[in-house]
Amino acid sequence: MKNIVIIGGVAGGMSAATRLRRLDPAASIIVIERSGYVSYANCGLPYFVGGVISEQSDLLLQTPESLHDRFRLDVHILNEVTSIDRIAKQLKIKNLVDGSFYDLPYDYLILSPGASPIVPPLPGIERALTLRTIEDVTKMTNAVIAKPNHAVVIGGGFIGVETAENLVHRGIKTTIVEAMDQVLAPLDPEMAVPVADELRNHGIDLRLGSGLASVDETGVNLANGERIDADLVILAIGVRPDTTLAKAADVNVGPRGGIVVDAFNRTSDEFIYAIGDAAEKSDALDGESVLVPLANIANRQGRVVADHIMGRKVREVPTIGTAIVKVCDLVVATTGWNEKRLNAAGRKCVILHSHPGSHAGYYPGAESMMLKLLIDPDTGQILGAQGVGHDGVDKRIDVLATAIRAGITAPELADLELAYAPPFGSAKDPVNMLGYMADNILSGFTTSIQWNELAGRMANGAELVDVRTSDEFTNGHIPGAINIPVDEIRDRYLEIQKSNVIVHCQVGQRGHTAATLLQELGIAADNLDGGYKTWVNSPASR
């Protein structure tokens, strides 16, 4: 009989435990969890703070009792592993209720300790609350019920913006402090600007570009000298893998600070596995180690480890880091690498922006979204994608994430047969349109420039031609542009200089038409990718 001990529950640990039981009815499966809860939906914690999820019991997926009744798992909550003896294959465990210690042997050990909130060593930081466990959410909810006048959330990442939104939902004046010059680091700058606008439109004050210096009894002090009064301070600047036990047991820890594992999630000790937020993952694009603290990856790793321990065949699957977050009335989603990361790695890419509707424009209720696709210029490989909008963003990112996993190239997106009816999509789905756009650019049929290249090109004498209608131009335009509507180009093309020409419309489609018309007329023109709508949402317009 196999004797398997799992350190840590929640997504990865409990997925491993239940899968092991399904594969081996006779195995001894023991779960050690230092908190009072072993299986809960930690992604739902901000929504409990905001009262969107009204009952704490709704967050609790399983209890030690229910896990024993259904799976005959032996779950020890409020117990903490203090050391691992790899030679004897034995754990030293402290009962946190009575303070006693006991030893526990294992044949296989699965490390699923998760990650811990990053708490910088700053004056007064102990006053700040973090949000990671049920105990954390209880403490934060009690603070919210006390009706603070003003809350400050330190960190503009996924958890930070979710928490801020939910504090506002509770009627609490809220400020987000973010050391970077944008919220949501996985987004590129022009995709993050609409998110910042959305937060401000919902009453959330943003302080970007300055980090936290200290916390005191009545507020926070920023590194740039600003002070913000705050009754409630919440720290959401990120998490780091909990590798305390691994390091103490001399299990290898990698360059990203997580536990090093192989394709089967084995550590440097063949009898010890690591899963979830504590383990480093292999990136699908370059094969390097990455940290991706996502529940779906942890769940799959738990299954992989269980299968491997039980001798089943396991597929090696690197991560592409697909993620989504609700920001007030917006949906924000990403997959793969962003442009910033590609540039830092020195990797060339072709960039496409589009602003399609969520479904057919003639059917009521269509919502505009903003999509960005990053493509290898030589192979057409999809390197990453981002989406910001309302209805339909999630399914487009899911299709693009599936395409990345399947090795479908960007031009081949045009070939996908996607479900279409006017209430749900368009005959040319936004994903198909990205495929057509990619084919045009990669084949050399048309050329484009990006929003952050425009100022430099115009400074070097480029002429910018706005091909929208005169009414659109009057309602807002890029400084220095001349207005020649696309339908007037054949009659007015002599007004355009013969070289160094850039055209643009609202979202890029009429600009593409204008560029091809000018090409017929002997004028080579670049299309401003994503048009006026991308430029106006970018830092270049601010």
Protein backbone atom coordinates (compact mmCIF):
# COMPACT_ATOMS: atom_id res chain seq x y z
CA MET A 1 0.00 0.00 0.00
CA LYS A 2 1.33 3.43 -0.96
CA ASN A 3 1.65 5.97 1.84
CA ILE A 4 1.24 9.50 0.39
CA VAL A 5 1.35 12.74 2.37
CA ILE A 6 0.28 16.08 0.88
CA ILE A 7 1.39 19.32 2.50
CA GLY A 8 -1.23 21.98 1.75
CA GLY A 9 -4.74 21.79 0.38
CA VAL A 10 -6.82 24.19 -1.74
CA ALA A 11 -6.51 23.73 -5.54
CA GLY A 12 -3.37 21.68 -6.15
CA GLY A 13 -3.27 19.65 -2.98
CA MET A 14 -6.90 18.63 -3.03
CA SER A 15 -6.83 17.83 -6.76
CA ALA A 16 -3.90 15.50 -6.11
CA ALA A 17 -5.59 13.90 -3.12
CA THR A 18 -8.92 13.18 -4.78
CA ARG A 19 -7.30 11.94 -8.00
CA LEU A 20 -5.06 9.62 -6.00
CA ARG A 21 -8.06 8.15 -4.26
CA ARG A 22 -9.89 7.57 -7.54
CA LEU A 23 -6.82 5.75 -8.88
CA ASP A 24 -6.04 3.72 -5.74
CA PRO A 25 -8.81 2.85 -3.28
CA ALA A 26 -6.29 1.31 -0.87
CA ALA A 27 -3.65 4.05 -0.67
CA SER A 28 -3.07 5.94 2.56
CA ILE A 29 -3.60 9.61 1.69
CA ILE A 30 -2.98 12.19 4.40
CA VAL A 31 -3.33 15.96 3.91
CA ILE A 32 -1.62 18.36 6.31
CA GLU A 33 -3.03 21.90 6.28
CA ARG A 34 -1.79 24.61 8.64
CA SER A 35 -4.87 26.82 8.28
CA GLY A 36 -8.34 25.97 9.49
CA TYR A 37 -9.66 25.39 5.96
CA VAL A 38 -8.46 22.84 3.44
CA SER A 39 -10.61 23.44 0.36
CA TYR A 40 -11.94 26.87 -0.55
CA ALA A 41 -12.31 29.24 -3.50
CA ASN A 42 -9.60 31.82 -2.81
CA CYS A 43 -10.34 33.54 -6.15
CA GLY A 44 -13.71 34.47 -4.66
CA LEU A 45 -12.31 36.19 -1.57
CA PRO A 46 -12.48 39.79 -2.92
CA TYR A 47 -16.14 39.27 -3.82
CA PHE A 48 -16.94 38.16 -0.28
CA VAL A 49 -15.29 41.35 0.99
CA GLY A 50 -17.57 43.30 -1.35
CA GLY A 51 -20.71 41.42 -0.33
CA VAL A 52 -21.23 40.10 -3.87
CA ILE A 53 -20.82 36.62 -2.34
CA SER A 54 -22.92 36.95 0.78
CA GLU A 55 -22.23 33.71 2.63
CA GLN A 56 -18.76 32.59 3.65
CA SER A 57 -19.95 29.00 3.39
CA ASP A 58 -20.30 29.51 -0.37
CA LEU A 59 -16.50 29.79 -0.55
CA LEU A 60 -15.93 26.49 1.23
CA LEU A 61 -15.79 23.68 -1.31
CA GLN A 62 -15.07 20.77 1.01
CA THR A 63 -14.43 20.17 4.72
CA PRO A 64 -12.24 17.52 6.39
CA GLU A 65 -15.43 15.64 7.22
CA SER A 66 -16.85 15.71 3.70
CA LEU A 67 -13.50 14.69 2.22
CA HIS A 68 -13.31 11.73 4.59
CA ASP A 69 -16.90 10.69 3.93
CA ARG A 70 -16.55 10.80 0.14
CA PHE A 71 -12.89 9.94 -0.47
CA ARG A 72 -11.65 8.50 2.84
CA LEU A 73 -8.98 11.18 2.97
CA ASP A 74 -7.30 11.83 6.30
CA VAL A 75 -7.19 15.63 6.55
CA HIS A 76 -5.37 17.31 9.44
CA ILE A 77 -6.20 21.03 9.64
CA LEU A 78 -4.38 23.39 11.99
CA ASN A 79 -1.32 21.17 11.70
CA GLU A 80 2.01 22.43 10.36
CA VAL A 81 4.94 20.47 8.98
CA THR A 82 8.06 21.86 10.62
CA SER A 83 10.70 19.70 8.93
CA ILE A 84 11.27 17.02 6.30
CA ASP A 85 13.75 14.19 6.88
CA ARG A 86 14.42 13.04 3.33
CA ILE A 87 16.70 10.15 4.40
CA ALA A 88 14.19 8.63 6.81
CA LYS A 89 11.26 9.82 4.62
CA GLN A 90 9.57 11.26 7.66
CA LEU A 91 7.90 14.54 8.62
CA LYS A 92 7.90 16.39 11.93
CA ILE A 93 4.48 17.98 12.47
CA LYS A 94 3.19 20.46 15.05
CA ASN A 95 -0.42 20.46 16.16
CA LEU A 96 -1.24 24.17 16.25
CA VAL A 97 -4.15 23.64 18.64
CA ASP A 98 -2.33 21.99 21.56
CA GLY A 99 1.32 22.61 20.59
CA SER A 100 2.24 18.92 20.51
CA PHE A 101 4.56 17.34 17.94
CA TYR A 102 4.37 14.02 16.11
CA ASP A 103 6.22 12.19 13.34
CA LEU A 104 4.64 10.99 10.10
CA PRO A 105 6.33 8.68 7.55
CA TYR A 106 5.72 8.84 3.80
CA ASP A 107 6.50 6.91 0.64
CA TYR A 108 5.70 9.92 -1.55
CA LEU A 109 5.44 13.52 -0.48
CA ILE A 110 3.57 16.24 -2.39
CA LEU A 111 4.43 19.86 -1.56
CA SER A 112 1.49 22.21 -2.14
CA PRO A 113 2.19 25.05 0.30
CA GLY A 114 1.11 27.78 -2.11
CA ALA A 115 2.47 31.30 -2.02
CA SER A 116 2.61 33.99 0.63
CA PRO A 117 1.69 37.66 0.19
CA ILE A 118 4.71 39.89 -0.28
CA VAL A 119 5.04 42.15 2.75
CA PRO A 120 7.89 44.66 2.34
CA PRO A 121 9.86 45.60 5.48
CA LEU A 122 8.48 49.15 5.75
CA PRO A 123 7.61 51.16 8.86
CA GLY A 124 4.08 50.45 10.08
CA ILE A 125 3.46 47.71 7.50
CA GLU A 126 1.97 45.44 10.17
CA ARG A 127 -1.19 47.59 10.02
CA ALA A 128 -1.83 46.55 6.40
CA LEU A 129 -4.13 43.59 5.73
CA THR A 130 -3.48 40.92 3.11
CA LEU A 131 -5.99 38.70 1.30
CA ARG A 132 -4.97 35.10 0.73
CA THR A 133 -6.88 32.80 3.11
CA ILE A 134 -10.29 32.43 4.76
CA GLU A 135 -8.74 33.81 7.94
CA ASP A 136 -7.58 36.86 5.96
CA VAL A 137 -11.00 37.47 4.44
CA THR A 138 -12.67 37.22 7.86
CA LYS A 139 -10.34 39.86 9.24
CA MET A 140 -10.79 42.13 6.21
CA THR A 141 -14.56 41.75 6.15
CA ASN A 142 -14.76 42.70 9.82
CA ALA A 143 -12.73 45.81 9.03
CA VAL A 144 -15.08 46.66 6.15
CA ILE A 145 -18.18 46.15 8.29
CA ALA A 146 -16.76 48.82 10.64
CA LYS A 147 -17.40 51.26 7.74
CA PRO A 148 -14.02 52.93 7.19
CA ASN A 149 -14.15 56.32 5.48
CA HIS A 150 -11.24 55.67 3.16
CA ALA A 151 -9.35 52.58 2.08
CA VAL A 152 -5.98 52.45 0.34
CA VAL A 153 -5.07 49.38 -1.70
CA ILE A 154 -1.34 49.01 -2.30
CA GLY A 155 -0.89 47.27 -5.64
CA GLY A 156 -2.70 47.54 -8.96
CA GLY A 157 -2.54 43.90 -9.99
CA PHE A 158 -5.44 41.49 -10.36
CA ILE A 159 -6.15 41.13 -6.63
CA GLY A 160 -5.64 44.86 -6.03
CA VAL A 161 -8.17 46.00 -8.63
CA GLU A 162 -10.67 43.30 -7.64
CA THR A 163 -10.40 44.33 -4.00
CA ALA A 164 -10.71 48.04 -4.81
CA GLU A 165 -13.81 47.43 -6.92
CA ASN A 166 -15.42 45.48 -4.10
CA LEU A 167 -14.59 48.14 -1.52
CA VAL A 168 -16.33 50.71 -3.72
CA HIS A 169 -19.23 48.29 -4.00
CA ARG A 170 -19.44 48.56 -0.21
CA GLY A 171 -19.58 52.35 -0.46
CA ILE A 172 -16.01 52.91 0.75
CA LYS A 173 -13.92 55.65 -0.85
CA THR A 174 -10.89 53.85 -2.27
CA THR A 175 -7.45 54.67 -3.66
CA ILE A 176 -5.11 52.31 -5.49
CA VAL A 177 -1.38 52.97 -5.15
CA GLU A 178 0.76 51.33 -7.82
CA ALA A 179 4.54 51.73 -8.20
CA MET A 180 4.37 51.12 -11.95
CA ASP A 181 2.94 53.75 -14.29
CA GLN A 182 -0.02 51.51 -15.15
CA VAL A 183 -2.39 49.03 -13.53
CA LEU A 184 -2.37 45.32 -14.44
CA ALA A 185 1.23 44.63 -15.39
CA PRO A 186 0.39 41.78 -17.84
CA LEU A 187 -1.20 44.37 -20.14
CA ASP A 188 0.73 46.57 -22.53
CA PRO A 189 0.37 50.33 -21.88
CA GLU A 190 -2.23 51.11 -24.54
CA MET A 191 -4.39 48.25 -23.26
CA ALA A 192 -4.06 49.37 -19.64
CA VAL A 193 -5.20 52.98 -20.23
CA PRO A 194 -8.89 52.05 -20.75
CA VAL A 195 -8.71 49.97 -17.55
CA ALA A 196 -7.41 52.95 -15.59
CA ASP A 197 -10.18 55.10 -17.07
CA GLU A 198 -12.75 52.51 -16.00
CA LEU A 199 -11.48 52.50 -12.42
CA ARG A 200 -11.55 56.31 -12.25
CA ASN A 201 -15.03 56.40 -13.77
CA HIS A 202 -16.19 54.23 -10.88
CA GLY A 203 -14.76 56.59 -8.30
CA ILE A 204 -11.46 54.85 -7.60
CA ASP A 205 -8.53 57.23 -7.19
CA LEU A 206 -5.33 56.02 -8.89
CA ARG A 207 -1.85 57.00 -7.74
CA LEU A 208 0.46 55.55 -10.35
CA GLY A 209 4.23 55.69 -10.55
CA SER A 210 5.00 55.85 -6.84
CA GLY A 211 5.44 53.07 -4.33
CA LEU A 212 4.68 52.83 -0.63
CA ALA A 213 7.18 54.34 1.83
CA SER A 214 5.46 53.76 5.18
CA VAL A 215 2.19 53.18 6.99
CA ASP A 216 1.07 54.92 10.17
CA GLU A 217 -2.03 54.99 12.35
CA THR A 218 -3.97 57.35 10.11
CA GLY A 219 -2.72 56.75 6.60
CA VAL A 220 0.08 55.91 4.17
CA ASN A 221 3.10 57.82 2.93
CA LEU A 222 4.29 57.37 -0.64
CA ALA A 223 7.83 57.36 -1.97
CA ASN A 224 7.15 60.58 -3.91
CA GLY A 225 6.26 62.44 -0.72
CA GLU A 226 2.47 62.27 -1.05
CA ARG A 227 0.35 61.29 1.91
CA ILE A 228 -3.06 59.61 1.83
CA ASP A 229 -5.31 59.35 4.86
CA ALA A 230 -6.67 55.83 5.30
CA ASP A 231 -8.72 53.98 7.91
CA LEU A 232 -8.07 50.71 6.07
CA VAL A 233 -4.84 49.70 4.32
CA ILE A 234 -4.72 46.60 2.13
CA LEU A 235 -1.50 45.14 0.75
CA ALA A 236 -1.81 43.47 -2.68
CA ILE A 237 1.60 43.85 -4.31
CA GLY A 238 1.95 40.19 -5.21
CA VAL A 239 2.91 36.81 -3.82
CA ARG A 240 6.07 34.74 -3.55
CA PRO A 241 6.34 30.94 -3.50
CA ASP A 242 6.40 29.40 -0.03
CA THR A 243 9.61 27.40 -0.22
CA THR A 244 10.52 27.35 3.48
CA LEU A 245 10.20 23.58 3.86
CA ALA A 246 11.82 22.83 0.51
CA LYS A 247 14.86 24.94 1.29
CA ALA A 248 15.23 23.46 4.77
CA ALA A 249 15.13 19.96 3.24
CA ASP A 250 17.70 20.97 0.58
CA VAL A 251 15.22 20.50 -2.25
CA ASN A 252 16.30 22.58 -5.26
CA VAL A 253 14.82 26.07 -5.62
CA GLY A 254 15.11 27.76 -9.01
CA PRO A 255 16.04 31.18 -10.36
CA ARG A 256 12.47 32.49 -10.05
CA GLY A 257 12.29 31.55 -6.38
CA GLY A 258 10.03 28.54 -6.83
CA ILE A 259 10.66 24.84 -6.34
CA VAL A 260 12.34 23.26 -9.38
CA VAL A 261 10.31 20.41 -10.89
CA ASP A 262 10.52 18.21 -13.97
CA ALA A 263 7.78 17.44 -16.51
CA PHE A 264 6.09 15.19 -13.93
CA ASN A 265 6.41 17.80 -11.15
CA ARG A 266 9.10 15.80 -9.36
CA THR A 267 11.59 17.83 -7.37
CA SER A 268 15.30 17.10 -7.04
CA ASP A 269 14.20 14.28 -4.67
CA GLU A 270 12.49 11.56 -6.71
CA PHE A 271 10.03 10.85 -3.88
CA ILE A 272 8.97 14.48 -3.42
CA TYR A 273 6.72 16.38 -5.83
CA ALA A 274 5.78 20.07 -5.86
CA ILE A 275 2.68 21.66 -7.36
CA GLY A 276 0.76 24.92 -7.49
CA ASP A 277 2.03 28.38 -6.68
CA ALA A 278 5.17 27.07 -4.95
CA ALA A 279 6.47 25.29 -8.05
CA GLU A 280 8.18 26.82 -11.05
CA LYS A 281 6.55 26.15 -14.43
CA SER A 282 8.00 25.77 -17.90
CA ASP A 283 7.03 28.59 -20.26
CA ALA A 284 5.58 27.44 -23.57
CA LEU A 285 7.34 30.13 -25.59
CA ASP A 286 10.95 29.83 -24.49
CA GLY A 287 11.04 26.86 -22.11
CA GLU A 288 12.38 28.99 -19.26
CA SER A 289 11.16 28.76 -15.67
CA VAL A 290 8.23 31.01 -14.76
CA LEU A 291 5.95 31.56 -11.81
CA VAL A 292 2.25 31.50 -12.71
CA PRO A 293 0.01 31.48 -9.61
CA LEU A 294 -3.22 30.31 -11.24
CA ALA A 295 -5.70 27.79 -9.84
CA ASN A 296 -6.32 25.95 -13.12
CA ILE A 297 -2.61 25.18 -13.46
CA ALA A 298 -2.43 24.00 -9.85
CA ASN A 299 -5.43 21.73 -10.42
CA ARG A 300 -3.86 20.15 -13.47
CA GLN A 301 -0.52 19.68 -11.72
CA GLY A 302 -2.28 17.87 -8.89
CA ARG A 303 -3.73 15.43 -11.41
CA VAL A 304 -0.35 15.01 -13.16
CA VAL A 305 1.39 14.13 -9.91
CA ALA A 306 -1.31 11.65 -8.89
CA ASP A 307 -1.12 9.96 -12.30
CA HIS A 308 2.67 9.78 -12.19
CA ILE A 309 2.76 8.30 -8.70
CA MET A 310 0.27 5.67 -9.83
CA GLY A 311 2.28 4.81 -12.94
CA ARG A 312 -0.01 6.34 -15.53
CA LYS A 313 1.25 8.05 -18.69
CA VAL A 314 1.52 11.82 -18.28
CA ARG A 315 1.59 14.54 -20.96
CA GLU A 316 4.14 17.32 -20.60
CA VAL A 317 2.32 20.65 -20.92
CA PRO A 318 4.13 23.99 -20.51
CA THR A 319 2.20 27.06 -19.44
CA ILE A 320 1.00 30.00 -21.55
CA GLY A 321 -0.37 31.98 -18.62
CA THR A 322 -3.97 32.64 -19.66
CA ALA A 323 -5.77 34.91 -17.18
CA ILE A 324 -8.90 37.03 -16.91
CA VAL A 325 -10.20 39.61 -14.46
CA LYS A 326 -13.34 41.69 -14.02
CA VAL A 327 -12.64 45.40 -13.54
CA CYS A 328 -15.93 47.14 -12.72
CA ASP A 329 -17.88 46.84 -16.00
CA LEU A 330 -14.86 45.78 -18.07
CA VAL A 331 -13.44 42.35 -18.84
CA VAL A 332 -9.65 42.13 -19.14
CA ALA A 333 -7.96 38.96 -20.41
CA THR A 334 -4.49 37.91 -21.52
CA THR A 335 -2.67 34.87 -22.83
CA GLY A 336 0.96 34.27 -23.77
CA TRP A 337 3.56 37.03 -23.71
CA ASN A 338 2.96 40.77 -23.88
CA GLU A 339 4.90 43.22 -26.03
CA LYS A 340 6.94 44.47 -23.07
CA ARG A 341 8.23 40.99 -22.34
CA LEU A 342 8.99 40.28 -25.99
CA ASN A 343 10.94 43.52 -26.29
CA ALA A 344 12.89 42.75 -23.10
CA ALA A 345 13.81 39.35 -24.54
CA GLY A 346 14.89 40.94 -27.83
CA ARG A 347 12.28 38.96 -29.74
CA LYS A 348 10.80 40.52 -32.88
CA CYS A 349 7.04 40.59 -33.25
CA VAL A 350 4.29 41.87 -35.50
CA ILE A 351 1.55 43.70 -33.62
CA LEU A 352 -2.12 43.87 -34.52
CA HIS A 353 -4.88 45.89 -32.84
CA SER A 354 -8.57 45.60 -33.60
CA HIS A 355 -11.80 47.00 -32.13
CA PRO A 356 -14.54 44.58 -33.18
CA GLY A 357 -18.06 44.27 -31.87
CA SER A 358 -19.04 41.42 -29.59
CA HIS A 359 -21.64 40.31 -32.14
CA ALA A 360 -23.21 41.51 -35.38
CA GLY A 361 -23.56 45.28 -35.33
CA TYR A 362 -27.09 45.24 -36.70
CA TYR A 363 -28.31 43.09 -33.79
CA PRO A 364 -29.06 45.18 -30.67
CA GLY A 365 -26.58 45.30 -27.82
CA ALA A 366 -23.27 44.84 -29.61
CA GLU A 367 -20.35 46.00 -27.45
CA SER A 368 -16.98 47.13 -28.75
CA MET A 369 -13.84 45.41 -27.51
CA MET A 370 -10.12 45.99 -27.98
CA LEU A 371 -7.95 43.05 -29.05
CA LYS A 372 -4.18 42.90 -29.44
CA LEU A 373 -2.33 40.06 -31.15
CA LEU A 374 1.44 39.50 -31.10
CA ILE A 375 2.92 37.38 -33.88
CA ASP A 376 6.31 36.01 -34.87
CA PRO A 377 7.13 37.81 -38.17
CA ASP A 378 8.92 34.81 -39.68
CA THR A 379 6.70 31.87 -38.72
CA GLY A 380 3.31 33.44 -37.99
CA GLN A 381 3.34 31.81 -34.53
CA ILE A 382 0.98 33.50 -32.09
CA LEU A 383 3.10 34.80 -29.23
CA GLY A 384 0.40 36.41 -27.11
CA ALA A 385 -2.91 38.22 -27.03
CA GLN A 386 -4.80 40.68 -24.86
CA GLY A 387 -8.41 41.76 -24.74
CA VAL A 388 -10.25 44.60 -23.01
CA GLY A 389 -13.96 45.21 -23.35
CA HIS A 390 -17.32 43.93 -22.25
CA ASP A 391 -19.29 41.05 -23.70
CA GLY A 392 -17.33 38.47 -25.72
CA VAL A 393 -13.76 39.19 -24.58
CA ASP A 394 -13.52 35.94 -22.66
CA LYS A 395 -14.42 33.64 -25.52
CA ARG A 396 -12.06 35.37 -27.97
CA ILE A 397 -9.11 35.04 -25.59
CA ASP A 398 -10.05 31.42 -24.95
CA VAL A 399 -10.02 30.73 -28.71
CA LEU A 400 -6.64 32.45 -29.05
CA ALA A 401 -5.24 30.55 -26.06
CA THR A 402 -6.42 27.31 -27.65
CA ALA A 403 -4.80 28.35 -30.93
CA ILE A 404 -1.49 28.96 -29.15
CA ARG A 405 -1.67 25.54 -27.49
CA ALA A 406 -2.57 23.86 -30.79
CA GLY A 407 0.16 25.60 -32.78
CA ILE A 408 -2.28 27.36 -35.11
CA THR A 409 -0.56 30.29 -36.81
CA ALA A 410 -2.01 33.79 -36.92
CA PRO A 411 -3.10 33.66 -40.60
CA GLU A 412 -4.79 30.33 -39.93
CA LEU A 413 -7.14 32.06 -37.48
CA ALA A 414 -9.05 33.11 -40.60
CA ASP A 415 -9.79 29.44 -41.27
CA LEU A 416 -11.45 28.67 -37.93
CA GLU A 417 -15.13 27.78 -38.18
CA LEU A 418 -16.59 29.52 -35.14
CA ALA A 419 -20.21 29.56 -34.02
CA TYR A 420 -22.14 32.39 -35.66
CA ALA A 421 -25.58 33.88 -35.28
CA PRO A 422 -26.30 37.61 -34.98
CA PRO A 423 -26.85 37.58 -31.17
CA PHE A 424 -23.53 35.82 -30.57
CA GLY A 425 -20.99 36.86 -33.18
CA SER A 426 -20.35 38.00 -36.72
CA ALA A 427 -19.96 36.11 -39.98
CA LYS A 428 -16.34 37.22 -39.77
CA ASP A 429 -15.68 36.68 -36.08
CA PRO A 430 -13.16 39.01 -34.39
CA VAL A 431 -10.77 36.05 -34.24
CA ASN A 432 -11.20 35.42 -37.98
CA MET A 433 -10.56 39.11 -38.64
CA LEU A 434 -7.27 38.93 -36.76
CA GLY A 435 -6.35 36.09 -39.11
CA TYR A 436 -7.14 38.18 -42.20
CA MET A 437 -5.17 41.11 -40.79
CA ALA A 438 -2.21 38.86 -40.01
CA ASP A 439 -2.21 37.46 -43.53
CA ASN A 440 -2.22 40.97 -45.03
CA ILE A 441 0.75 42.09 -42.93
CA LEU A 442 2.84 38.90 -43.01
CA SER A 443 2.39 38.52 -46.78
CA GLY A 444 3.51 42.11 -47.35
CA PHE A 445 0.22 43.07 -48.97
CA THR A 446 -0.05 46.04 -46.60
CA THR A 447 2.22 47.68 -44.05
CA SER A 448 1.40 49.29 -40.73
CA ILE A 449 2.95 51.28 -37.92
CA GLN A 450 2.17 51.35 -34.19
CA TRP A 451 0.80 54.14 -32.01
CA ASN A 452 4.17 54.60 -30.30
CA GLU A 453 5.97 55.02 -33.64
CA LEU A 454 3.69 57.76 -34.96
CA ALA A 455 5.25 60.80 -33.27
CA GLY A 456 8.73 59.87 -34.47
CA ARG A 457 7.57 59.33 -38.03
CA MET A 458 5.73 62.68 -38.09
CA ALA A 459 8.78 64.42 -36.63
CA ASN A 460 10.71 63.05 -39.60
CA GLY A 461 8.31 64.55 -42.10
CA ALA A 462 5.62 61.91 -42.50
CA GLU A 463 2.19 63.14 -43.56
CA LEU A 464 -0.72 61.74 -41.55
CA VAL A 465 -3.98 61.41 -43.49
CA ASP A 466 -7.16 60.88 -41.48
CA VAL A 467 -9.57 59.05 -43.80
CA ARG A 468 -12.60 59.23 -41.51
CA THR A 469 -15.56 61.47 -42.22
CA SER A 470 -15.33 65.20 -41.58
CA ASP A 471 -17.70 64.85 -38.63
CA GLU A 472 -15.48 62.20 -37.03
CA PHE A 473 -12.45 64.39 -37.62
CA THR A 474 -14.14 67.39 -36.00
CA ASN A 475 -15.11 65.34 -32.95
CA GLY A 476 -11.46 64.49 -32.27
CA HIS A 477 -8.31 63.90 -34.26
CA ILE A 478 -4.57 63.38 -33.97
CA PRO A 479 -2.71 66.71 -34.04
CA GLY A 480 -1.07 67.37 -37.39
CA ALA A 481 -3.40 65.13 -39.41
CA ILE A 482 -5.14 66.24 -42.59
CA ASN A 483 -8.64 64.97 -43.30
CA ILE A 484 -9.42 63.30 -46.63
CA PRO A 485 -12.33 60.82 -46.23
CA VAL A 486 -11.66 57.45 -47.80
CA ASP A 487 -14.45 57.90 -50.34
CA GLU A 488 -12.78 61.11 -51.61
CA ILE A 489 -9.26 59.72 -52.01
CA ARG A 490 -9.52 58.99 -55.75
CA ASP A 491 -10.49 62.62 -56.40
CA ARG A 492 -8.10 64.24 -53.91
CA TYR A 493 -5.01 62.03 -53.89
CA LEU A 494 -2.93 64.81 -55.49
CA GLU A 495 -3.24 66.68 -52.17
CA ILE A 496 -1.16 63.93 -50.54
CA GLN A 497 2.63 63.92 -50.64
CA LYS A 498 4.20 61.16 -52.74
CA SER A 499 6.22 59.43 -50.01
CA ASN A 500 6.36 58.98 -46.22
CA VAL A 501 2.58 58.79 -45.85
CA ILE A 502 0.57 57.33 -42.98
CA VAL A 503 -3.19 56.82 -43.15
CA HIS A 504 -5.63 56.08 -40.36
CA CYS A 505 -9.32 55.74 -39.65
CA GLN A 506 -11.23 54.97 -36.44
CA VAL A 507 -10.17 51.35 -35.94
CA GLY A 508 -8.01 50.42 -38.93
CA GLN A 509 -10.36 48.92 -41.52
CA ARG A 510 -10.95 52.04 -43.63
CA GLY A 511 -7.27 52.84 -43.21
CA HIS A 512 -6.45 49.49 -44.81
CA THR A 513 -8.79 50.31 -47.70
CA ALA A 514 -7.20 53.76 -48.07
CA ALA A 515 -3.69 52.32 -48.09
CA THR A 516 -4.56 49.89 -50.89
CA LEU A 517 -6.27 52.66 -52.89
CA LEU A 518 -3.21 54.89 -52.58
CA GLN A 519 -1.00 52.00 -53.60
CA GLU A 520 -3.03 51.71 -56.82
CA LEU A 521 -2.47 55.44 -57.33
CA GLY A 522 1.31 55.18 -56.90
CA ILE A 523 1.54 56.30 -53.28
CA ALA A 524 2.93 53.88 -50.70
CA ALA A 525 1.24 54.46 -47.35
CA ASP A 526 1.46 52.77 -43.95
CA ASN A 527 -1.74 52.17 -42.02
CA LEU A 528 -1.82 53.22 -38.36
CA ASP A 529 -2.58 49.89 -36.69
CA GLY A 530 -5.81 50.02 -34.69
CA GLY A 531 -6.55 53.52 -35.94
CA TYR A 532 -7.57 56.56 -33.92
CA LYS A 533 -9.21 54.42 -31.24
CA THR A 534 -5.94 52.69 -30.34
CA TRP A 535 -4.02 55.98 -30.40
CA VAL A 536 -6.53 57.84 -28.23
CA ASN A 537 -6.44 55.03 -25.67
CA SER A 538 -2.64 55.03 -25.56
CA PRO A 539 -0.20 57.00 -23.41
CA ALA A 540 0.72 58.97 -26.57
CA SER A 541 -2.57 60.88 -26.38
CA ARG A 542 -2.34 61.69 -22.66
